[in-house]
């Protein structure tokens, strides 16, 4: 009787494990990510970003009706490179998704990052799962008006940088590029990440501020702020400048400044050794890498139990 009871219990567990595996096989492969430097609107306004209390973020959250806990999940499936045909004008920052519609608000006070025209940019794009794909970076055209909804006509036809399959290092992709030299004032850095190992394309808006006075030959930009990373590591300058030494803030911050009126810094650098990962979304936007690993271990235990049941039956 005891042997039969054990057999029934283990067999039931094996059936459950089989069903679980079937569900995973049927579900899409999830790749999560968003720029954290220059800080994207979705990350800045998330609980991790540190700027949820800013006026623009409060307005965006109110428009959404919910917070941006799933800051790494702004993705649209099946676009396949037809971005301008699929994503409507005025909804570029949300990717046309109602859950992120607050990001499309036309405002001049979004948390922003200071950049130098013609300088070097190193974008930090946090991600939880490594996937192949191409990053395309666009800057709004000279004369862009941040008080109006962002349209495709505000962006050049071609990106100023395009990077295929960068390595995922310490929880982030690090994308280097040279910035255009003819931008001033408040602009939007628009990033498209088209996955090739999933059907998803990710969209993000990072508000940046350029100043002609900040332009310097060989200037390294992209950190945009003297802040500590979410992990606690301070940002340091890759190319120190006597006029703009790197310094650490007392607390983590998502952006260099709020609003287009801030004064850009000339030669601030970036480090690529620490970056936040999408820990906020373990229960909000799909399984994270640790969750999948734990589930796989559970399946191994259950299937091992099924093998034990078969042995008991043969005795």
C-alpha atoms as a PDB file:
ATOM      1  CA  UNK A   1       0.000   0.000   0.000  1.00  0.00           C
ATOM      2  CA  UNK A   2       2.808   2.359   0.904  1.00  0.00           C
ATOM      3  CA  UNK A   3       4.591   1.564  -2.350  1.00  0.00           C
ATOM      4  CA  UNK A   4       1.419   2.285  -4.378  1.00  0.00           C
ATOM      5  CA  UNK A   5       0.839   5.576  -2.554  1.00  0.00           C
ATOM      6  CA  UNK A   6       4.414   6.691  -3.261  1.00  0.00           C
ATOM      7  CA  UNK A   7       3.990   5.680  -6.882  1.00  0.00           C
ATOM      8  CA  UNK A   8       0.801   7.738  -7.250  1.00  0.00           C
ATOM      9  CA  UNK A   9       2.362  10.816  -5.647  1.00  0.00           C
ATOM     10  CA  UNK A  10       5.513  10.740  -7.743  1.00  0.00           C
ATOM     11  CA  UNK A  11       3.585   9.990 -10.932  1.00  0.00           C
ATOM     12  CA  UNK A  12       1.348  13.009 -10.256  1.00  0.00           C
ATOM     13  CA  UNK A  13       4.430  15.176  -9.734  1.00  0.00           C
ATOM     14  CA  UNK A  14       5.903  13.945 -13.004  1.00  0.00           C
ATOM     15  CA  UNK A  15       2.691  14.836 -14.849  1.00  0.00           C
ATOM     16  CA  UNK A  16       2.789  18.333 -13.335  1.00  0.00           C
ATOM     17  CA  UNK A  17       6.420  18.732 -14.398  1.00  0.00           C
ATOM     18  CA  UNK A  18       5.540  17.663 -17.929  1.00  0.00           C
ATOM     19  CA  UNK A  19       2.714  20.212 -18.072  1.00  0.00           C
ATOM     20  CA  UNK A  20       5.037  22.930 -16.780  1.00  0.00           C
ATOM     21  CA  UNK A  21       7.606  22.155 -19.438  1.00  0.00           C
ATOM     22  CA  UNK A  22       4.910  22.312 -22.112  1.00  0.00           C
ATOM     23  CA  UNK A  23       3.850  25.772 -20.953  1.00  0.00           C
ATOM     24  CA  UNK A  24       7.443  27.051 -21.054  1.00  0.00           C
ATOM     25  CA  UNK A  25       7.980  25.610 -24.522  1.00  0.00           C
ATOM     26  CA  UNK A  26       4.820  27.328 -25.796  1.00  0.00           C
ATOM     27  CA  UNK A  27       5.639  30.715 -24.262  1.00  0.00           C
ATOM     28  CA  UNK A  28       7.819  33.390 -25.906  1.00  0.00           C
ATOM     29  CA  UNK A  29      11.471  33.858 -24.978  1.00  0.00           C
ATOM     30  CA  UNK A  30      11.593  37.009 -22.874  1.00  0.00           C
ATOM     31  CA  UNK A  31      14.301  39.619 -23.286  1.00  0.00           C
ATOM     32  CA  UNK A  32      13.993  42.639 -21.047  1.00  0.00           C
ATOM     33  CA  UNK A  33      15.840  45.917 -21.210  1.00  0.00           C
ATOM     34  CA  UNK A  34      15.951  49.728 -21.381  1.00  0.00           C
ATOM     35  CA  UNK A  35      18.629  52.445 -21.379  1.00  0.00           C
ATOM     36  CA  UNK A  36      19.737  53.551 -17.948  1.00  0.00           C
ATOM     37  CA  UNK A  37      22.432  55.935 -19.215  1.00  0.00           C
ATOM     38  CA  UNK A  38      21.509  58.233 -20.877  1.00  0.00           C
ATOM     39  CA  UNK A  39      18.516  57.573 -18.704  1.00  0.00           C
ATOM     40  CA  UNK A  40      15.317  56.639 -20.532  1.00  0.00           C
ATOM     41  CA  UNK A  41      11.972  58.062 -19.483  1.00  0.00           C
ATOM     42  CA  UNK A  42      10.635  54.651 -18.530  1.00  0.00           C
ATOM     43  CA  UNK A  43      13.597  53.873 -16.277  1.00  0.00           C
ATOM     44  CA  UNK A  44      13.872  57.351 -14.752  1.00  0.00           C
ATOM     45  CA  UNK A  45      10.202  57.236 -13.734  1.00  0.00           C
ATOM     46  CA  UNK A  46      10.345  53.679 -12.387  1.00  0.00           C
ATOM     47  CA  UNK A  47      10.802  52.816  -8.703  1.00  0.00           C
ATOM     48  CA  UNK A  48      14.450  51.948  -9.508  1.00  0.00           C
ATOM     49  CA  UNK A  49      15.146  55.110 -11.488  1.00  0.00           C
ATOM     50  CA  UNK A  50      14.962  57.540  -8.621  1.00  0.00           C
ATOM     51  CA  UNK A  51      12.990  60.267 -10.419  1.00  0.00           C
ATOM     52  CA  UNK A  52       9.412  59.038  -9.937  1.00  0.00           C
ATOM     53  CA  UNK A  53       8.753  62.165  -7.882  1.00  0.00           C
ATOM     54  CA  UNK A  54       9.706  64.540 -10.695  1.00  0.00           C
ATOM     55  CA  UNK A  55       6.815  66.524 -12.172  1.00  0.00           C
ATOM     56  CA  UNK A  56       7.029  64.865 -15.590  1.00  0.00           C
ATOM     57  CA  UNK A  57       7.157  61.401 -14.046  1.00  0.00           C
ATOM     58  CA  UNK A  58       4.197  62.112 -11.792  1.00  0.00           C
ATOM     59  CA  UNK A  59       2.222  63.247 -14.836  1.00  0.00           C
ATOM     60  CA  UNK A  60       3.274  60.156 -16.809  1.00  0.00           C
ATOM     61  CA  UNK A  61       2.278  57.821 -13.988  1.00  0.00           C
ATOM     62  CA  UNK A  62      -1.057  59.601 -13.641  1.00  0.00           C
ATOM     63  CA  UNK A  63      -1.686  59.260 -17.382  1.00  0.00           C
ATOM     64  CA  UNK A  64      -0.881  55.556 -17.177  1.00  0.00           C
ATOM     65  CA  UNK A  65      -2.906  54.931 -14.064  1.00  0.00           C
ATOM     66  CA  UNK A  66      -0.036  52.824 -12.753  1.00  0.00           C
ATOM     67  CA  UNK A  67       3.682  53.073 -12.047  1.00  0.00           C
ATOM     68  CA  UNK A  68       6.490  51.950 -14.348  1.00  0.00           C
ATOM     69  CA  UNK A  69       7.489  48.889 -12.366  1.00  0.00           C
ATOM     70  CA  UNK A  70       7.862  46.981 -15.657  1.00  0.00           C
ATOM     71  CA  UNK A  71      10.392  49.505 -16.974  1.00  0.00           C
ATOM     72  CA  UNK A  72      12.234  46.811 -18.937  1.00  0.00           C
ATOM     73  CA  UNK A  73       9.218  45.435 -20.778  1.00  0.00           C
ATOM     74  CA  UNK A  74       8.369  48.119 -23.343  1.00  0.00           C
ATOM     75  CA  UNK A  75       8.348  45.815 -26.359  1.00  0.00           C
ATOM     76  CA  UNK A  76       6.209  45.198 -29.433  1.00  0.00           C
ATOM     77  CA  UNK A  77       6.133  41.808 -31.159  1.00  0.00           C
ATOM     78  CA  UNK A  78       6.148  41.210 -34.890  1.00  0.00           C
ATOM     79  CA  UNK A  79       7.329  44.635 -36.061  1.00  0.00           C
ATOM     80  CA  UNK A  80      10.139  43.149 -38.130  1.00  0.00           C
ATOM     81  CA  UNK A  81      11.835  46.458 -39.010  1.00  0.00           C
ATOM     82  CA  UNK A  82       8.584  48.210 -40.037  1.00  0.00           C
ATOM     83  CA  UNK A  83       8.883  50.672 -37.157  1.00  0.00           C
ATOM     84  CA  UNK A  84       7.585  53.718 -39.036  1.00  0.00           C
ATOM     85  CA  UNK A  85       4.612  51.802 -40.351  1.00  0.00           C
ATOM     86  CA  UNK A  86       3.648  50.117 -37.055  1.00  0.00           C
ATOM     87  CA  UNK A  87       4.366  52.736 -34.361  1.00  0.00           C
ATOM     88  CA  UNK A  88       2.091  55.815 -34.758  1.00  0.00           C
ATOM     89  CA  UNK A  89       3.315  59.410 -34.694  1.00  0.00           C
ATOM     90  CA  UNK A  90       3.050  60.890 -31.229  1.00  0.00           C
ATOM     91  CA  UNK A  91       3.435  57.436 -29.644  1.00  0.00           C
ATOM     92  CA  UNK A  92       7.078  56.700 -30.326  1.00  0.00           C
ATOM     93  CA  UNK A  93       8.141  56.731 -26.667  1.00  0.00           C
ATOM     94  CA  UNK A  94       5.410  54.280 -25.619  1.00  0.00           C
ATOM     95  CA  UNK A  95       5.768  52.080 -28.688  1.00  0.00           C
ATOM     96  CA  UNK A  96       2.026  52.584 -29.099  1.00  0.00           C
ATOM     97  CA  UNK A  97       1.377  50.566 -25.916  1.00  0.00           C
ATOM     98  CA  UNK A  98      -1.392  51.910 -23.675  1.00  0.00           C
ATOM     99  CA  UNK A  99       0.421  50.665 -20.559  1.00  0.00           C
ATOM    100  CA  UNK A 100       3.186  53.199 -21.293  1.00  0.00           C
ATOM    101  CA  UNK A 101       1.170  56.065 -22.824  1.00  0.00           C
ATOM    102  CA  UNK A 102       2.362  58.518 -20.186  1.00  0.00           C
ATOM    103  CA  UNK A 103       5.825  58.441 -21.771  1.00  0.00           C
ATOM    104  CA  UNK A 104       4.451  60.240 -24.837  1.00  0.00           C
ATOM    105  CA  UNK A 105       3.554  63.419 -22.934  1.00  0.00           C
ATOM    106  CA  UNK A 106       5.047  66.462 -24.683  1.00  0.00           C
ATOM    107  CA  UNK A 107       6.965  68.172 -21.872  1.00  0.00           C
ATOM    108  CA  UNK A 108      10.208  70.079 -21.484  1.00  0.00           C
ATOM    109  CA  UNK A 109      10.937  68.889 -17.942  1.00  0.00           C
ATOM    110  CA  UNK A 110      11.653  65.169 -18.376  1.00  0.00           C
ATOM    111  CA  UNK A 111      14.646  63.894 -16.380  1.00  0.00           C
ATOM    112  CA  UNK A 112      17.534  64.390 -18.800  1.00  0.00           C
ATOM    113  CA  UNK A 113      21.214  63.690 -19.342  1.00  0.00           C
ATOM    114  CA  UNK A 114      23.899  66.201 -20.317  1.00  0.00           C
ATOM    115  CA  UNK A 115      25.846  65.484 -23.502  1.00  0.00           C
ATOM    116  CA  UNK A 116      28.486  67.331 -25.499  1.00  0.00           C
ATOM    117  CA  UNK A 117      27.959  67.855 -29.248  1.00  0.00           C
ATOM    118  CA  UNK A 118      30.403  65.784 -31.267  1.00  0.00           C
ATOM    119  CA  UNK A 119      31.547  63.869 -28.195  1.00  0.00           C
ATOM    120  CA  UNK A 120      31.723  60.152 -27.583  1.00  0.00           C
ATOM    121  CA  UNK A 121      28.661  58.408 -26.175  1.00  0.00           C
ATOM    122  CA  UNK A 122      28.635  55.134 -24.280  1.00  0.00           C
ATOM    123  CA  UNK A 123      25.065  54.007 -23.775  1.00  0.00           C
ATOM    124  CA  UNK A 124      24.325  51.598 -20.924  1.00  0.00           C
ATOM    125  CA  UNK A 125      21.347  49.448 -21.862  1.00  0.00           C
ATOM    126  CA  UNK A 126      20.363  47.264 -18.905  1.00  0.00           C
ATOM    127  CA  UNK A 127      19.037  43.794 -19.742  1.00  0.00           C
ATOM    128  CA  UNK A 128      18.170  40.637 -17.834  1.00  0.00           C
ATOM    129  CA  UNK A 129      18.621  38.040 -20.578  1.00  0.00           C
ATOM    130  CA  UNK A 130      21.179  38.004 -23.387  1.00  0.00           C
ATOM    131  CA  UNK A 131      19.650  38.046 -26.873  1.00  0.00           C
ATOM    132  CA  UNK A 132      20.934  38.746 -30.339  1.00  0.00           C
ATOM    133  CA  UNK A 133      19.714  41.826 -32.155  1.00  0.00           C
ATOM    134  CA  UNK A 134      20.549  45.260 -33.517  1.00  0.00           C
ATOM    135  CA  UNK A 135      20.512  48.576 -31.660  1.00  0.00           C
ATOM    136  CA  UNK A 136      19.726  51.697 -33.693  1.00  0.00           C
ATOM    137  CA  UNK A 137      20.281  55.138 -32.135  1.00  0.00           C
ATOM    138  CA  UNK A 138      18.603  58.293 -33.461  1.00  0.00           C
ATOM    139  CA  UNK A 139      18.790  61.912 -32.336  1.00  0.00           C
ATOM    140  CA  UNK A 140      15.988  64.346 -33.037  1.00  0.00           C
ATOM    141  CA  UNK A 141      16.794  66.846 -35.787  1.00  0.00           C
ATOM    142  CA  UNK A 142      18.096  70.358 -35.092  1.00  0.00           C
ATOM    143  CA  UNK A 143      15.175  72.576 -34.174  1.00  0.00           C
ATOM    144  CA  UNK A 144      13.202  69.798 -32.456  1.00  0.00           C
ATOM    145  CA  UNK A 145      10.497  71.185 -30.161  1.00  0.00           C
ATOM    146  CA  UNK A 146      10.106  69.051 -26.989  1.00  0.00           C
ATOM    147  CA  UNK A 147       6.792  70.799 -26.282  1.00  0.00           C
ATOM    148  CA  UNK A 148       5.237  68.886 -29.202  1.00  0.00           C
ATOM    149  CA  UNK A 149       4.568  65.124 -29.478  1.00  0.00           C
ATOM    150  CA  UNK A 150       7.490  63.204 -30.964  1.00  0.00           C
ATOM    151  CA  UNK A 151       6.907  62.214 -34.599  1.00  0.00           C
ATOM    152  CA  UNK A 152       8.891  60.128 -37.046  1.00  0.00           C
ATOM    153  CA  UNK A 153       9.543  63.271 -39.084  1.00  0.00           C
ATOM    154  CA  UNK A 154      11.448  64.645 -36.061  1.00  0.00           C
ATOM    155  CA  UNK A 155      14.031  61.877 -36.538  1.00  0.00           C
ATOM    156  CA  UNK A 156      16.513  61.438 -39.388  1.00  0.00           C
ATOM    157  CA  UNK A 157      15.855  58.569 -41.770  1.00  0.00           C
ATOM    158  CA  UNK A 158      19.104  56.873 -40.791  1.00  0.00           C
ATOM    159  CA  UNK A 159      20.433  56.317 -37.253  1.00  0.00           C
ATOM    160  CA  UNK A 160      23.685  57.974 -36.232  1.00  0.00           C
ATOM    161  CA  UNK A 161      24.786  54.645 -34.733  1.00  0.00           C
ATOM    162  CA  UNK A 162      23.896  51.015 -35.364  1.00  0.00           C
ATOM    163  CA  UNK A 163      25.378  48.119 -33.376  1.00  0.00           C
ATOM    164  CA  UNK A 164      24.684  44.444 -33.958  1.00  0.00           C
ATOM    165  CA  UNK A 165      24.900  41.758 -31.264  1.00  0.00           C
ATOM    166  CA  UNK A 166      26.930  43.578 -28.576  1.00  0.00           C
ATOM    167  CA  UNK A 167      28.027  41.486 -25.595  1.00  0.00           C
ATOM    168  CA  UNK A 168      25.937  41.485 -22.420  1.00  0.00           C
ATOM    169  CA  UNK A 169      28.407  42.436 -19.678  1.00  0.00           C
ATOM    170  CA  UNK A 170      27.505  42.720 -16.004  1.00  0.00           C
ATOM    171  CA  UNK A 171      23.802  42.955 -16.781  1.00  0.00           C
ATOM    172  CA  UNK A 172      23.996  45.511 -19.583  1.00  0.00           C
ATOM    173  CA  UNK A 173      24.925  46.199 -23.171  1.00  0.00           C
ATOM    174  CA  UNK A 174      27.448  49.026 -23.601  1.00  0.00           C
ATOM    175  CA  UNK A 175      27.093  50.795 -26.939  1.00  0.00           C
ATOM    176  CA  UNK A 176      29.726  53.264 -28.094  1.00  0.00           C
ATOM    177  CA  UNK A 177      29.161  55.922 -30.752  1.00  0.00           C
ATOM    178  CA  UNK A 178      30.181  59.414 -31.833  1.00  0.00           C
ATOM    179  CA  UNK A 179      27.475  62.013 -31.337  1.00  0.00           C
ATOM    180  CA  UNK A 180      26.448  64.451 -34.093  1.00  0.00           C
ATOM    181  CA  UNK A 181      28.070  67.853 -33.649  1.00  0.00           C
ATOM    182  CA  UNK A 182      25.140  70.041 -34.733  1.00  0.00           C
ATOM    183  CA  UNK A 183      22.700  69.514 -31.872  1.00  0.00           C
ATOM    184  CA  UNK A 184      21.929  72.061 -29.164  1.00  0.00           C
ATOM    185  CA  UNK A 185      19.383  72.320 -26.391  1.00  0.00           C
ATOM    186  CA  UNK A 186      16.822  69.666 -25.476  1.00  0.00           C
ATOM    187  CA  UNK A 187      16.800  66.668 -27.826  1.00  0.00           C
ATOM    188  CA  UNK A 188      15.535  63.080 -27.636  1.00  0.00           C
ATOM    189  CA  UNK A 189      17.826  60.088 -28.066  1.00  0.00           C
ATOM    190  CA  UNK A 190      15.545  57.440 -29.568  1.00  0.00           C
ATOM    191  CA  UNK A 191      16.683  53.838 -29.318  1.00  0.00           C
ATOM    192  CA  UNK A 192      15.294  50.874 -31.216  1.00  0.00           C
ATOM    193  CA  UNK A 193      16.436  47.372 -30.256  1.00  0.00           C
ATOM    194  CA  UNK A 194      15.207  44.804 -32.755  1.00  0.00           C
ATOM    195  CA  UNK A 195      15.733  41.285 -31.437  1.00  0.00           C
ATOM    196  CA  UNK A 196      16.642  38.492 -33.816  1.00  0.00           C
ATOM    197  CA  UNK A 197      16.352  35.680 -31.275  1.00  0.00           C
ATOM    198  CA  UNK A 198      12.817  36.806 -30.308  1.00  0.00           C
ATOM    199  CA  UNK A 199      10.039  38.501 -32.330  1.00  0.00           C
ATOM    200  CA  UNK A 200      10.229  41.604 -30.123  1.00  0.00           C
ATOM    201  CA  UNK A 201      11.383  45.164 -30.784  1.00  0.00           C
ATOM    202  CA  UNK A 202      12.072  47.545 -27.887  1.00  0.00           C
ATOM    203  CA  UNK A 203      11.610  51.318 -28.012  1.00  0.00           C
ATOM    204  CA  UNK A 204      12.866  54.013 -25.658  1.00  0.00           C
ATOM    205  CA  UNK A 205      13.197  57.776 -25.338  1.00  0.00           C
ATOM    206  CA  UNK A 206      16.095  59.340 -23.448  1.00  0.00           C
ATOM    207  CA  UNK A 207      15.913  63.103 -23.001  1.00  0.00           C
ATOM    208  CA  UNK A 208      19.314  64.768 -23.452  1.00  0.00           C
ATOM    209  CA  UNK A 209      20.577  68.336 -23.246  1.00  0.00           C
ATOM    210  CA  UNK A 210      23.350  69.702 -25.483  1.00  0.00           C
ATOM    211  CA  UNK A 211      25.251  72.944 -25.078  1.00  0.00           C
ATOM    212  CA  UNK A 212      27.580  74.512 -27.615  1.00  0.00           C
ATOM    213  CA  UNK A 213      29.767  75.597 -24.707  1.00  0.00           C
ATOM    214  CA  UNK A 214      30.204  71.953 -23.720  1.00  0.00           C
ATOM    215  CA  UNK A 215      31.700  70.926 -27.065  1.00  0.00           C
ATOM    216  CA  UNK A 216      35.295  69.795 -26.731  1.00  0.00           C
ATOM    217  CA  UNK A 217      37.575  67.770 -29.025  1.00  0.00           C
ATOM    218  CA  UNK A 218      37.644  64.162 -27.836  1.00  0.00           C
ATOM    219  CA  UNK A 219      35.117  64.821 -25.085  1.00  0.00           C
ATOM    220  CA  UNK A 220      33.644  61.657 -23.646  1.00  0.00           C
ATOM    221  CA  UNK A 221      29.982  61.890 -22.790  1.00  0.00           C
ATOM    222  CA  UNK A 222      27.139  59.605 -21.886  1.00  0.00           C
ATOM    223  CA  UNK A 223      27.194  59.389 -18.117  1.00  0.00           C
ATOM    224  CA  UNK A 224      25.673  62.839 -18.105  1.00  0.00           C
ATOM    225  CA  UNK A 225      25.797  63.102 -14.338  1.00  0.00           C
ATOM    226  CA  UNK A 226      28.029  62.780 -11.333  1.00  0.00           C
ATOM    227  CA  UNK A 227      25.946  60.045  -9.828  1.00  0.00           C
ATOM    228  CA  UNK A 228      26.419  56.721  -8.169  1.00  0.00           C
ATOM    229  CA  UNK A 229      25.067  53.719 -10.026  1.00  0.00           C
ATOM    230  CA  UNK A 230      22.180  51.828  -8.489  1.00  0.00           C
ATOM    231  CA  UNK A 231      24.720  49.226  -7.409  1.00  0.00           C
ATOM    232  CA  UNK A 232      26.655  51.852  -5.500  1.00  0.00           C
ATOM    233  CA  UNK A 233      29.665  52.185  -7.834  1.00  0.00           C
ATOM    234  CA  UNK A 234      30.462  55.828  -8.603  1.00  0.00           C
ATOM    235  CA  UNK A 235      30.627  57.065 -12.174  1.00  0.00           C
ATOM    236  CA  UNK A 236      34.116  58.076 -13.220  1.00  0.00           C
ATOM    237  CA  UNK A 237      35.466  59.922 -16.212  1.00  0.00           C
ATOM    238  CA  UNK A 238      37.211  57.888 -18.891  1.00  0.00           C
ATOM    239  CA  UNK A 239      38.888  61.063 -20.139  1.00  0.00           C
ATOM    240  CA  UNK A 240      39.317  63.438 -17.175  1.00  0.00           C
ATOM    241  CA  UNK A 241      38.886  67.133 -17.794  1.00  0.00           C
ATOM    242  CA  UNK A 242      40.229  69.771 -15.421  1.00  0.00           C
ATOM    243  CA  UNK A 243      37.121  71.878 -16.030  1.00  0.00           C
ATOM    244  CA  UNK A 244      34.660  69.093 -15.310  1.00  0.00           C
ATOM    245  CA  UNK A 245      36.047  66.555 -12.832  1.00  0.00           C
ATOM    246  CA  UNK A 246      33.961  63.485 -12.101  1.00  0.00           C
ATOM    247  CA  UNK A 247      32.358  63.363  -8.675  1.00  0.00           C
ATOM    248  CA  UNK A 248      30.031  61.150  -6.722  1.00  0.00           C
ATOM    249  CA  UNK A 249      26.585  62.119  -5.512  1.00  0.00           C
ATOM    250  CA  UNK A 250      25.399  61.339  -2.036  1.00  0.00           C
ATOM    251  CA  UNK A 251      22.636  59.055  -3.320  1.00  0.00           C
ATOM    252  CA  UNK A 252      21.804  57.194  -6.547  1.00  0.00           C
ATOM    253  CA  UNK A 253      20.048  59.301  -9.160  1.00  0.00           C
ATOM    254  CA  UNK A 254      18.555  58.392 -12.525  1.00  0.00           C
ATOM    255  CA  UNK A 255      19.577  61.530 -14.391  1.00  0.00           C
ATOM    256  CA  UNK A 256      21.922  64.460 -14.578  1.00  0.00           C
ATOM    257  CA  UNK A 257      19.268  67.114 -14.452  1.00  0.00           C
ATOM    258  CA  UNK A 258      15.580  67.761 -14.829  1.00  0.00           C
ATOM    259  CA  UNK A 259      14.378  69.979 -17.648  1.00  0.00           C
ATOM    260  CA  UNK A 260      15.962  71.465 -20.749  1.00  0.00           C
ATOM    261  CA  UNK A 261      17.242  74.537 -18.963  1.00  0.00           C
ATOM    262  CA  UNK A 262      20.011  72.738 -17.126  1.00  0.00           C
ATOM    263  CA  UNK A 263      23.648  73.507 -17.924  1.00  0.00           C
ATOM    264  CA  UNK A 264      25.398  70.628 -19.703  1.00  0.00           C
ATOM    265  CA  UNK A 265      28.806  69.460 -18.582  1.00  0.00           C
ATOM    266  CA  UNK A 266      31.623  69.181 -21.069  1.00  0.00           C
ATOM    267  CA  UNK A 267      33.734  66.100 -20.533  1.00  0.00           C
ATOM    268  CA  UNK A 268      31.960  63.564 -18.396  1.00  0.00           C
ATOM    269  CA  UNK A 269      32.690  59.874 -18.932  1.00  0.00           C
ATOM    270  CA  UNK A 270      31.141  56.519 -18.293  1.00  0.00           C
ATOM    271  CA  UNK A 271      32.143  53.251 -16.768  1.00  0.00           C
ATOM    272  CA  UNK A 272      30.863  49.901 -17.976  1.00  0.00           C
ATOM    273  CA  UNK A 273      31.440  47.809 -14.903  1.00  0.00           C
ATOM    274  CA  UNK A 274      28.169  48.085 -13.008  1.00  0.00           C
ATOM    275  CA  UNK A 275      24.542  48.602 -13.958  1.00  0.00           C
ATOM    276  CA  UNK A 276      21.120  47.835 -12.525  1.00  0.00           C
ATOM    277  CA  UNK A 277      19.216  44.830 -13.739  1.00  0.00           C
ATOM    278  CA  UNK A 278      15.481  44.355 -13.921  1.00  0.00           C
ATOM    279  CA  UNK A 279      14.905  43.095 -10.407  1.00  0.00           C
ATOM    280  CA  UNK A 280      11.659  45.070 -10.184  1.00  0.00           C
ATOM    281  CA  UNK A 281      10.005  42.884 -12.791  1.00  0.00           C
ATOM    282  CA  UNK A 282      10.479  39.393 -11.361  1.00  0.00           C
ATOM    283  CA  UNK A 283       6.753  39.260 -10.672  1.00  0.00           C
ATOM    284  CA  UNK A 284       5.511  42.018 -12.943  1.00  0.00           C
ATOM    285  CA  UNK A 285       6.602  41.402 -16.517  1.00  0.00           C
ATOM    286  CA  UNK A 286       7.531  37.795 -17.006  1.00  0.00           C
ATOM    287  CA  UNK A 287      10.037  35.384 -15.499  1.00  0.00           C
ATOM    288  CA  UNK A 288      13.496  36.707 -14.776  1.00  0.00           C
ATOM    289  CA  UNK A 289      16.639  34.674 -15.279  1.00  0.00           C
ATOM    290  CA  UNK A 290      16.807  33.519 -11.609  1.00  0.00           C
ATOM    291  CA  UNK A 291      13.154  32.470 -11.726  1.00  0.00           C
ATOM    292  CA  UNK A 292      13.714  30.376 -14.830  1.00  0.00           C
ATOM    293  CA  UNK A 293      16.775  28.773 -13.274  1.00  0.00           C
ATOM    294  CA  UNK A 294      14.827  27.871 -10.148  1.00  0.00           C
ATOM    295  CA  UNK A 295      12.011  26.422 -12.212  1.00  0.00           C
ATOM    296  CA  UNK A 296      14.424  24.311 -14.195  1.00  0.00           C
ATOM    297  CA  UNK A 297      15.846  22.908 -10.959  1.00  0.00           C
ATOM    298  CA  UNK A 298      12.340  22.042  -9.793  1.00  0.00           C
ATOM    299  CA  UNK A 299      11.672  20.174 -13.015  1.00  0.00           C
ATOM    300  CA  UNK A 300      14.853  18.158 -12.548  1.00  0.00           C
ATOM    301  CA  UNK A 301      13.723  17.172  -9.053  1.00  0.00           C
ATOM    302  CA  UNK A 302      10.278  16.181 -10.286  1.00  0.00           C
ATOM    303  CA  UNK A 303      11.521  14.183 -13.250  1.00  0.00           C
ATOM    304  CA  UNK A 304      14.039  12.456 -10.976  1.00  0.00           C
ATOM    305  CA  UNK A 305      11.129  11.470  -8.758  1.00  0.00           C
ATOM    306  CA  UNK A 306       9.328  10.013 -11.751  1.00  0.00           C
ATOM    307  CA  UNK A 307      12.336   7.828 -12.533  1.00  0.00           C
ATOM    308  CA  UNK A 308      12.325   6.597  -8.935  1.00  0.00           C
ATOM    309  CA  UNK A 309       8.658   5.654  -9.273  1.00  0.00           C
ATOM    310  CA  UNK A 310       9.425   3.521 -12.311  1.00  0.00           C
ATOM    311  CA  UNK A 311      12.046   1.631 -10.328  1.00  0.00           C
ATOM    312  CA  UNK A 312       9.626   0.993  -7.487  1.00  0.00           C
ATOM    313  CA  UNK A 313       7.066  -0.428  -9.895  1.00  0.00           C
ATOM    314  CA  UNK A 314       9.565  -2.895 -11.306  1.00  0.00           C
ATOM    315  CA  UNK A 315      10.374  -4.379  -7.891  1.00  0.00           C
END
